[in-house]
Amino acid sequence: MRSAAIRIQELDDSQLEEFVDLWASQKSKLYVSVERVGGANDKGRDVIGF
């Protein structure tokens, strides 16, 4: 069985963004809001929580 870290490394860009979005949403107690923003000029921020 492969570790979770190995499986995460195998995700493509879109799948990784979706995974992080879902993970951050599950941590919603820590954030007021979670947004998936990706795209041009996002400065590498595909998912943000605040």
PDB file of N, CA and C in Angstrom:
ATOM      1  N   MET A   1       0.848  -1.183   0.000  1.00  0.00           N
ATOM      2  CA  MET A   1       0.000   0.000   0.000  1.00  0.00           C
ATOM      3  C   MET A   1       0.893   1.247   0.000  1.00  0.00           C
ATOM      4  N   ARG A   2       0.591   2.150  -0.894  1.00  0.00           N
ATOM      5  CA  ARG A   2       1.347   3.411  -0.963  1.00  0.00           C
ATOM      6  C   ARG A   2       0.881   4.367   0.122  1.00  0.00           C
ATOM      7  N   SER A   3       1.797   5.172   0.619  1.00  0.00           N
ATOM      8  CA  SER A   3       1.432   6.136   1.660  1.00  0.00           C
ATOM      9  C   SER A   3       0.594   7.267   1.056  1.00  0.00           C
ATOM     10  N   ALA A   4      -0.099   7.988   1.929  1.00  0.00           N
ATOM     11  CA  ALA A   4      -0.913   9.125   1.479  1.00  0.00           C
ATOM     12  C   ALA A   4      -0.045  10.175   0.803  1.00  0.00           C
ATOM     13  N   ALA A   5       1.173  10.387   1.317  1.00  0.00           N
ATOM     14  CA  ALA A   5       2.071  11.390   0.739  1.00  0.00           C
ATOM     15  C   ALA A   5       2.428  11.040  -0.705  1.00  0.00           C
ATOM     16  N   ILE A   6       2.657   9.783  -0.981  1.00  0.00           N
ATOM     17  CA  ILE A   6       2.972   9.350  -2.353  1.00  0.00           C
ATOM     18  C   ILE A   6       1.768   9.565  -3.250  1.00  0.00           C
ATOM     19  N   ARG A   7       0.587   9.219  -2.774  1.00  0.00           N
ATOM     20  CA  ARG A   7      -0.623   9.384  -3.585  1.00  0.00           C
ATOM     21  C   ARG A   7      -0.889  10.855  -3.876  1.00  0.00           C
ATOM     22  N   ILE A   8      -0.653  11.726  -2.897  1.00  0.00           N
ATOM     23  CA  ILE A   8      -0.858  13.160  -3.108  1.00  0.00           C
ATOM     24  C   ILE A   8       0.108  13.681  -4.165  1.00  0.00           C
ATOM     25  N   GLN A   9       1.350  13.209  -4.144  1.00  0.00           N
ATOM     26  CA  GLN A   9       2.344  13.641  -5.134  1.00  0.00           C
ATOM     27  C   GLN A   9       1.950  13.243  -6.546  1.00  0.00           C
ATOM     28  N   GLU A  10       1.145  12.213  -6.686  1.00  0.00           N
ATOM     29  CA  GLU A  10       0.741  11.717  -8.006  1.00  0.00           C
ATOM     30  C   GLU A  10      -0.452  12.467  -8.593  1.00  0.00           C
ATOM     31  N   LEU A  11      -1.086  13.344  -7.823  1.00  0.00           N
ATOM     32  CA  LEU A  11      -2.229  14.104  -8.323  1.00  0.00           C
ATOM     33  C   LEU A  11      -1.770  15.133  -9.353  1.00  0.00           C
ATOM     34  N   ASP A  12      -2.594  15.357 -10.389  1.00  0.00           N
ATOM     35  CA  ASP A  12      -2.273  16.437 -11.323  1.00  0.00           C
ATOM     36  C   ASP A  12      -2.690  17.764 -10.684  1.00  0.00           C
ATOM     37  N   ASP A  13      -2.373  18.869 -11.331  1.00  0.00           N
ATOM     38  CA  ASP A  13      -2.615  20.191 -10.747  1.00  0.00           C
ATOM     39  C   ASP A  13      -4.067  20.398 -10.329  1.00  0.00           C
ATOM     40  N   SER A  14      -4.982  20.054 -11.200  1.00  0.00           N
ATOM     41  CA  SER A  14      -6.399  20.252 -10.919  1.00  0.00           C
ATOM     42  C   SER A  14      -6.852  19.373  -9.754  1.00  0.00           C
ATOM     43  N   GLN A  15      -6.416  18.129  -9.736  1.00  0.00           N
ATOM     44  CA  GLN A  15      -6.787  17.221  -8.654  1.00  0.00           C
ATOM     45  C   GLN A  15      -6.219  17.704  -7.319  1.00  0.00           C
ATOM     46  N   LEU A  16      -5.000  18.235  -7.332  1.00  0.00           N
ATOM     47  CA  LEU A  16      -4.392  18.733  -6.107  1.00  0.00           C
ATOM     48  C   LEU A  16      -5.153  19.953  -5.578  1.00  0.00           C
ATOM     49  N   GLU A  17      -5.544  20.849  -6.471  1.00  0.00           N
ATOM     50  CA  GLU A  17      -6.345  22.014  -6.058  1.00  0.00           C
ATOM     51  C   GLU A  17      -7.648  21.557  -5.420  1.00  0.00           C
ATOM     52  N   GLU A  18      -8.303  20.586  -6.031  1.00  0.00           N
ATOM     53  CA  GLU A  18      -9.566  20.082  -5.499  1.00  0.00           C
ATOM     54  C   GLU A  18      -9.351  19.429  -4.129  1.00  0.00           C
ATOM     55  N   PHE A  19      -8.273  18.645  -3.997  1.00  0.00           N
ATOM     56  CA  PHE A  19      -7.961  18.001  -2.728  1.00  0.00           C
ATOM     57  C   PHE A  19      -7.742  19.040  -1.626  1.00  0.00           C
ATOM     58  N   VAL A  20      -6.946  20.065  -1.913  1.00  0.00           N
ATOM     59  CA  VAL A  20      -6.659  21.101  -0.913  1.00  0.00           C
ATOM     60  C   VAL A  20      -7.926  21.871  -0.561  1.00  0.00           C
ATOM     61  N   ASP A  21      -8.756  22.146  -1.556  1.00  0.00           N
ATOM     62  CA  ASP A  21     -10.031  22.826  -1.309  1.00  0.00           C
ATOM     63  C   ASP A  21     -10.896  22.002  -0.357  1.00  0.00           C
ATOM     64  N   LEU A  22     -11.017  20.710  -0.609  1.00  0.00           N
ATOM     65  CA  LEU A  22     -11.814  19.836   0.261  1.00  0.00           C
ATOM     66  C   LEU A  22     -11.210  19.754   1.656  1.00  0.00           C
ATOM     67  N   TRP A  23      -9.884  19.625   1.738  1.00  0.00           N
ATOM     68  CA  TRP A  23      -9.202  19.545   3.032  1.00  0.00           C
ATOM     69  C   TRP A  23      -9.425  20.824   3.842  1.00  0.00           C
ATOM     70  N   ALA A  24      -9.229  21.975   3.207  1.00  0.00           N
ATOM     71  CA  ALA A  24      -9.390  23.248   3.906  1.00  0.00           C
ATOM     72  C   ALA A  24     -10.843  23.444   4.340  1.00  0.00           C
ATOM     73  N   SER A  25     -11.768  23.014   3.512  1.00  0.00           N
ATOM     74  CA  SER A  25     -13.188  23.125   3.869  1.00  0.00           C
ATOM     75  C   SER A  25     -13.506  22.289   5.112  1.00  0.00           C
ATOM     76  N   GLN A  26     -12.844  21.149   5.257  1.00  0.00           N
ATOM     77  CA  GLN A  26     -13.034  20.311   6.441  1.00  0.00           C
ATOM     78  C   GLN A  26     -12.437  20.956   7.685  1.00  0.00           C
ATOM     79  N   LYS A  27     -11.500  21.864   7.491  1.00  0.00           N
ATOM     80  CA  LYS A  27     -10.881  22.600   8.593  1.00  0.00           C
ATOM     81  C   LYS A  27     -11.616  23.916   8.831  1.00  0.00           C
ATOM     82  N   SER A  28     -12.865  23.979   8.429  1.00  0.00           N
ATOM     83  CA  SER A  28     -13.617  25.229   8.433  1.00  0.00           C
ATOM     84  C   SER A  28     -13.702  25.889   9.806  1.00  0.00           C
ATOM     85  N   LYS A  29     -13.509  25.134  10.875  1.00  0.00           N
ATOM     86  CA  LYS A  29     -13.508  25.738  12.209  1.00  0.00           C
ATOM     87  C   LYS A  29     -12.363  26.731  12.350  1.00  0.00           C
ATOM     88  N   LEU A  30     -11.310  26.521  11.553  1.00  0.00           N
ATOM     89  CA  LEU A  30     -10.130  27.381  11.630  1.00  0.00           C
ATOM     90  C   LEU A  30     -10.239  28.595  10.708  1.00  0.00           C
ATOM     91  N   TYR A  31     -11.187  28.579   9.776  1.00  0.00           N
ATOM     92  CA  TYR A  31     -11.295  29.635   8.773  1.00  0.00           C
ATOM     93  C   TYR A  31     -12.710  30.192   8.730  1.00  0.00           C
ATOM     94  N   VAL A  32     -12.823  31.469   8.437  1.00  0.00           N
ATOM     95  CA  VAL A  32     -14.139  32.084   8.228  1.00  0.00           C
ATOM     96  C   VAL A  32     -14.673  31.647   6.868  1.00  0.00           C
ATOM     97  N   SER A  33     -13.762  31.564   5.894  1.00  0.00           N
ATOM     98  CA  SER A  33     -14.147  31.206   4.533  1.00  0.00           C
ATOM     99  C   SER A  33     -12.979  30.518   3.838  1.00  0.00           C
ATOM    100  N   VAL A  34     -13.284  29.633   2.898  1.00  0.00           N
ATOM    101  CA  VAL A  34     -12.283  28.967   2.061  1.00  0.00           C
ATOM    102  C   VAL A  34     -12.708  29.163   0.621  1.00  0.00           C
ATOM    103  N   GLU A  35     -11.779  29.628  -0.223  1.00  0.00           N
ATOM    104  CA  GLU A  35     -12.092  29.867  -1.634  1.00  0.00           C
ATOM    105  C   GLU A  35     -11.039  29.241  -2.528  1.00  0.00           C
ATOM    106  N   ARG A  36     -11.479  28.624  -3.612  1.00  0.00           N
ATOM    107  CA  ARG A  36     -10.587  28.116  -4.647  1.00  0.00           C
ATOM    108  C   ARG A  36     -10.496  29.208  -5.706  1.00  0.00           C
ATOM    109  N   VAL A  37      -9.289  29.759  -5.909  1.00  0.00           N
ATOM    110  CA  VAL A  37      -9.158  30.923  -6.773  1.00  0.00           C
ATOM    111  C   VAL A  37      -8.368  30.675  -8.047  1.00  0.00           C
ATOM    112  N   GLY A  38      -7.478  29.732  -8.114  1.00  0.00           N
ATOM    113  CA  GLY A  38      -6.634  29.440  -9.261  1.00  0.00           C
ATOM    114  C   GLY A  38      -6.826  30.278 -10.507  1.00  0.00           C
ATOM    115  N   GLY A  39      -5.843  30.278 -11.361  1.00  0.00           N
ATOM    116  CA  GLY A  39      -5.917  31.015 -12.608  1.00  0.00           C
ATOM    117  C   GLY A  39      -4.730  31.943 -12.769  1.00  0.00           C
ATOM    118  N   ALA A  40      -4.726  32.699 -13.830  1.00  0.00           N
ATOM    119  CA  ALA A  40      -3.634  33.623 -14.111  1.00  0.00           C
ATOM    120  C   ALA A  40      -3.540  34.676 -13.016  1.00  0.00           C
ATOM    121  N   ASN A  41      -2.334  35.051 -12.694  1.00  0.00           N
ATOM    122  CA  ASN A  41      -2.050  36.093 -11.695  1.00  0.00           C
ATOM    123  C   ASN A  41      -2.547  35.754 -10.293  1.00  0.00           C
ATOM    124  N   ASP A  42      -2.624  34.459  -9.955  1.00  0.00           N
ATOM    125  CA  ASP A  42      -3.064  34.090  -8.606  1.00  0.00           C
ATOM    126  C   ASP A  42      -1.900  34.023  -7.622  1.00  0.00           C
ATOM    127  N   LYS A  43      -0.689  34.325  -8.119  1.00  0.00           N
ATOM    128  CA  LYS A  43       0.539  34.331  -7.294  1.00  0.00           C
ATOM    129  C   LYS A  43       0.752  32.991  -6.596  1.00  0.00           C
ATOM    130  N   GLY A  44       0.337  31.919  -7.248  1.00  0.00           N
ATOM    131  CA  GLY A  44       0.529  30.569  -6.705  1.00  0.00           C
ATOM    132  C   GLY A  44      -0.484  30.165  -5.662  1.00  0.00           C
ATOM    133  N   ARG A  45      -1.458  31.009  -5.426  1.00  0.00           N
ATOM    134  CA  ARG A  45      -2.492  30.691  -4.437  1.00  0.00           C
ATOM    135  C   ARG A  45      -3.705  30.125  -5.150  1.00  0.00           C
ATOM    136  N   ASP A  46      -3.884  28.824  -5.028  1.00  0.00           N
ATOM    137  CA  ASP A  46      -5.010  28.189  -5.695  1.00  0.00           C
ATOM    138  C   ASP A  46      -6.201  28.033  -4.759  1.00  0.00           C
ATOM    139  N   VAL A  47      -5.926  27.865  -3.470  1.00  0.00           N
ATOM    140  CA  VAL A  47      -6.968  27.788  -2.460  1.00  0.00           C
ATOM    141  C   VAL A  47      -6.524  28.685  -1.309  1.00  0.00           C
ATOM    142  N   ILE A  48      -7.426  29.542  -0.848  1.00  0.00           N
ATOM    143  CA  ILE A  48      -7.093  30.420   0.279  1.00  0.00           C
ATOM    144  C   ILE A  48      -8.130  30.269   1.365  1.00  0.00           C
ATOM    145  N   GLY A  49      -7.677  30.360   2.591  1.00  0.00           N
ATOM    146  CA  GLY A  49      -8.578  30.334   3.740  1.00  0.00           C
ATOM    147  C   GLY A  49      -8.318  31.562   4.578  1.00  0.00           C
ATOM    148  N   PHE A  50      -9.372  32.184   5.028  1.00  0.00           N
ATOM    149  CA  PHE A  50      -9.232  33.359   5.879  1.00  0.00           C
ATOM    150  C   PHE A  50     -10.366  33.439   6.870  1.00  0.00           C
TER     151      PHE A  50
END
